[in-house]
Amino acid sequence: QVQLVESGGGLVQPGGSLRLSCAASGTIRRLYPMGWYRQAPGKQRELVAVIISGGITNYSDSVKGRFTISGDNAKNTVYLQMNSLTPEDTAVYYCWRMGDWGQGTQVTVSS
């Protein structure tokens, strides 16, 4: 069984940046696909970004040009660099990998 542990959430002002990390542990034959979802209060969980394989990525339209997903195979870790954050990015961010979920990390964008 694979465990996913997120880190890097917190409170940031509008226009600021955060970097989330998700470390996978357990029996891992291949790291991808792996990515991030988010869930804002009262809303459904939605895809933010995913690494499908190698250099192939997919982003939600709402974060394109602001967020960047990347991975480190040696560390079994995926990152989400979030820039130009807005209050609409406030949500719990969940790491996802092939049906497994992390516990979530809160991101709050507020002045």
C-alpha atoms as a PDB file:
ATOM      1  CA  GLN A   1       0.000   0.000   0.000  1.00  0.00           C
ATOM      2  CA  VAL A   2       1.202   3.471  -0.884  1.00  0.00           C
ATOM      3  CA  GLN A   3       1.046   6.378   1.532  1.00  0.00           C
ATOM      4  CA  LEU A   4       0.973   9.996   0.422  1.00  0.00           C
ATOM      5  CA  VAL A   5       2.077  12.773   2.759  1.00  0.00           C
ATOM      6  CA  GLU A   6       1.544  16.399   1.809  1.00  0.00           C
ATOM      7  CA  SER A   7       3.292  19.442   3.203  1.00  0.00           C
ATOM      8  CA  GLY A   8       3.714  23.109   2.418  1.00  0.00           C
ATOM      9  CA  GLY A   9       0.258  24.558   2.927  1.00  0.00           C
ATOM     10  CA  GLY A  10      -0.445  27.673   4.934  1.00  0.00           C
ATOM     11  CA  LEU A  11      -1.672  31.238   4.907  1.00  0.00           C
ATOM     12  CA  VAL A  12      -0.470  33.584   2.175  1.00  0.00           C
ATOM     13  CA  GLN A  13      -1.479  37.024   0.976  1.00  0.00           C
ATOM     14  CA  PRO A  14      -3.042  37.534  -2.459  1.00  0.00           C
ATOM     15  CA  GLY A  15      -0.340  37.604  -5.099  1.00  0.00           C
ATOM     16  CA  GLY A  16       1.936  35.426  -3.010  1.00  0.00           C
ATOM     17  CA  SER A  17       3.388  31.990  -3.621  1.00  0.00           C
ATOM     18  CA  LEU A  18       3.470  28.589  -1.957  1.00  0.00           C
ATOM     19  CA  ARG A  19       5.031  25.264  -2.846  1.00  0.00           C
ATOM     20  CA  LEU A  20       3.301  22.050  -1.913  1.00  0.00           C
ATOM     21  CA  SER A  21       5.093  18.720  -1.676  1.00  0.00           C
ATOM     22  CA  CYS A  22       3.711  15.206  -1.749  1.00  0.00           C
ATOM     23  CA  ALA A  23       5.959  12.317  -0.825  1.00  0.00           C
ATOM     24  CA  ALA A  24       4.896   8.796  -1.736  1.00  0.00           C
ATOM     25  CA  SER A  25       6.107   5.814   0.267  1.00  0.00           C
ATOM     26  CA  GLY A  26       5.555   2.097   0.022  1.00  0.00           C
ATOM     27  CA  THR A  27       5.816  -0.252  -2.921  1.00  0.00           C
ATOM     28  CA  ILE A  28       6.145   2.017  -5.944  1.00  0.00           C
ATOM     29  CA  ARG A  29       6.931   0.593  -9.360  1.00  0.00           C
ATOM     30  CA  ARG A  30       6.168   3.766 -11.239  1.00  0.00           C
ATOM     31  CA  LEU A  31       5.408   7.173  -9.772  1.00  0.00           C
ATOM     32  CA  TYR A  32       3.023   8.541 -12.382  1.00  0.00           C
ATOM     33  CA  PRO A  33       0.280   9.438 -12.897  1.00  0.00           C
ATOM     34  CA  MET A  34       0.295  11.590  -9.787  1.00  0.00           C
ATOM     35  CA  GLY A  35      -1.054  15.011  -9.051  1.00  0.00           C
ATOM     36  CA  TRP A  36      -3.119  17.432  -7.033  1.00  0.00           C
ATOM     37  CA  TYR A  37      -6.801  18.069  -6.439  1.00  0.00           C
ATOM     38  CA  ARG A  38      -8.424  20.696  -4.272  1.00  0.00           C
ATOM     39  CA  GLN A  39     -11.711  21.167  -2.476  1.00  0.00           C
ATOM     40  CA  ALA A  40     -13.035  24.533  -1.413  1.00  0.00           C
ATOM     41  CA  PRO A  41     -15.800  24.845   1.206  1.00  0.00           C
ATOM     42  CA  GLY A  42     -19.160  23.924  -0.292  1.00  0.00           C
ATOM     43  CA  LYS A  43     -17.631  22.818  -3.583  1.00  0.00           C
ATOM     44  CA  GLN A  44     -16.722  19.520  -5.179  1.00  0.00           C
ATOM     45  CA  ARG A  45     -13.176  18.265  -5.285  1.00  0.00           C
ATOM     46  CA  GLU A  46     -11.560  19.335  -8.545  1.00  0.00           C
ATOM     47  CA  LEU A  47      -8.407  18.515 -10.452  1.00  0.00           C
ATOM     48  CA  VAL A  48      -5.659  21.109 -10.186  1.00  0.00           C
ATOM     49  CA  ALA A  49      -2.717  19.521 -11.985  1.00  0.00           C
ATOM     50  CA  VAL A  50      -1.398  16.083 -12.798  1.00  0.00           C
ATOM     51  CA  ILE A  51       1.758  14.546 -14.196  1.00  0.00           C
ATOM     52  CA  ILE A  52       0.490  11.854 -16.529  1.00  0.00           C
ATOM     53  CA  SER A  53       3.870  10.404 -17.399  1.00  0.00           C
ATOM     54  CA  GLY A  54       7.360  11.750 -17.896  1.00  0.00           C
ATOM     55  CA  GLY A  55       7.002  15.306 -19.161  1.00  0.00           C
ATOM     56  CA  ILE A  56       3.267  15.152 -19.888  1.00  0.00           C
ATOM     57  CA  THR A  57       1.217  17.342 -17.583  1.00  0.00           C
ATOM     58  CA  ASN A  58      -2.351  18.573 -17.423  1.00  0.00           C
ATOM     59  CA  TYR A  59      -3.689  21.650 -15.636  1.00  0.00           C
ATOM     60  CA  SER A  60      -7.050  23.042 -14.727  1.00  0.00           C
ATOM     61  CA  ASP A  61      -7.838  26.145 -16.787  1.00  0.00           C
ATOM     62  CA  SER A  62      -8.131  28.148 -13.561  1.00  0.00           C
ATOM     63  CA  VAL A  63      -4.464  27.593 -12.651  1.00  0.00           C
ATOM     64  CA  LYS A  64      -2.750  27.495 -16.053  1.00  0.00           C
ATOM     65  CA  GLY A  65       0.129  29.944 -16.197  1.00  0.00           C
ATOM     66  CA  ARG A  66       0.212  30.328 -12.408  1.00  0.00           C
ATOM     67  CA  PHE A  67       0.827  26.817 -11.058  1.00  0.00           C
ATOM     68  CA  THR A  68       3.561  24.389 -12.054  1.00  0.00           C
ATOM     69  CA  ILE A  69       3.632  20.698 -11.224  1.00  0.00           C
ATOM     70  CA  SER A  70       6.905  18.803 -11.172  1.00  0.00           C
ATOM     71  CA  GLY A  71       8.229  15.511  -9.923  1.00  0.00           C
ATOM     72  CA  ASP A  72      11.385  13.973  -8.514  1.00  0.00           C
ATOM     73  CA  ASN A  73      11.478  10.257  -9.258  1.00  0.00           C
ATOM     74  CA  ALA A  74      14.452   9.683  -6.982  1.00  0.00           C
ATOM     75  CA  LYS A  75      12.489  11.054  -4.029  1.00  0.00           C
ATOM     76  CA  ASN A  76       9.069   9.712  -5.090  1.00  0.00           C
ATOM     77  CA  THR A  77       7.835  13.262  -4.610  1.00  0.00           C
ATOM     78  CA  VAL A  78       5.624  15.586  -6.597  1.00  0.00           C
ATOM     79  CA  TYR A  79       5.586  19.334  -6.119  1.00  0.00           C
ATOM     80  CA  LEU A  80       3.078  22.048  -6.876  1.00  0.00           C
ATOM     81  CA  GLN A  81       4.517  25.537  -7.217  1.00  0.00           C
ATOM     82  CA  MET A  82       1.694  28.031  -6.858  1.00  0.00           C
ATOM     83  CA  ASN A  83       2.258  31.652  -7.867  1.00  0.00           C
ATOM     84  CA  SER A  84       0.003  34.700  -8.127  1.00  0.00           C
ATOM     85  CA  LEU A  85      -2.373  33.184  -5.615  1.00  0.00           C
ATOM     86  CA  THR A  86      -5.880  34.609  -5.246  1.00  0.00           C
ATOM     87  CA  PRO A  87      -8.563  34.088  -2.599  1.00  0.00           C
ATOM     88  CA  GLU A  88     -10.289  31.755  -5.070  1.00  0.00           C
ATOM     89  CA  ASP A  89      -7.354  29.342  -4.629  1.00  0.00           C
ATOM     90  CA  THR A  90      -8.277  28.844  -0.979  1.00  0.00           C
ATOM     91  CA  ALA A  91      -8.994  25.161  -0.462  1.00  0.00           C
ATOM     92  CA  VAL A  92      -7.747  21.920   0.993  1.00  0.00           C
ATOM     93  CA  TYR A  93      -5.244  20.519  -1.482  1.00  0.00           C
ATOM     94  CA  TYR A  94      -5.051  16.759  -1.811  1.00  0.00           C
ATOM     95  CA  CYS A  95      -2.316  14.687  -3.346  1.00  0.00           C
ATOM     96  CA  TRP A  96      -3.548  11.857  -5.582  1.00  0.00           C
ATOM     97  CA  ARG A  97      -1.831   8.848  -7.042  1.00  0.00           C
ATOM     98  CA  MET A  98      -3.606   6.012  -8.828  1.00  0.00           C
ATOM     99  CA  GLY A  99      -6.604   5.995  -6.539  1.00  0.00           C
ATOM    100  CA  ASP A 100      -4.753   6.790  -3.326  1.00  0.00           C
ATOM    101  CA  TRP A 101      -5.195  10.113  -1.516  1.00  0.00           C
ATOM    102  CA  GLY A 102      -3.184  12.110   0.948  1.00  0.00           C
ATOM    103  CA  GLN A 103      -4.687  13.631   4.076  1.00  0.00           C
ATOM    104  CA  GLY A 104      -4.849  17.107   2.557  1.00  0.00           C
ATOM    105  CA  THR A 105      -3.143  20.387   3.329  1.00  0.00           C
ATOM    106  CA  GLN A 106      -4.945  23.696   3.831  1.00  0.00           C
ATOM    107  CA  VAL A 107      -4.082  26.637   1.611  1.00  0.00           C
ATOM    108  CA  THR A 108      -5.605  29.962   2.610  1.00  0.00           C
ATOM    109  CA  VAL A 109      -5.151  33.085   0.510  1.00  0.00           C
ATOM    110  CA  SER A 110      -6.205  36.159   2.434  1.00  0.00           C
ATOM    111  CA  SER A 111      -5.038  39.624   3.329  1.00  0.00           C
END
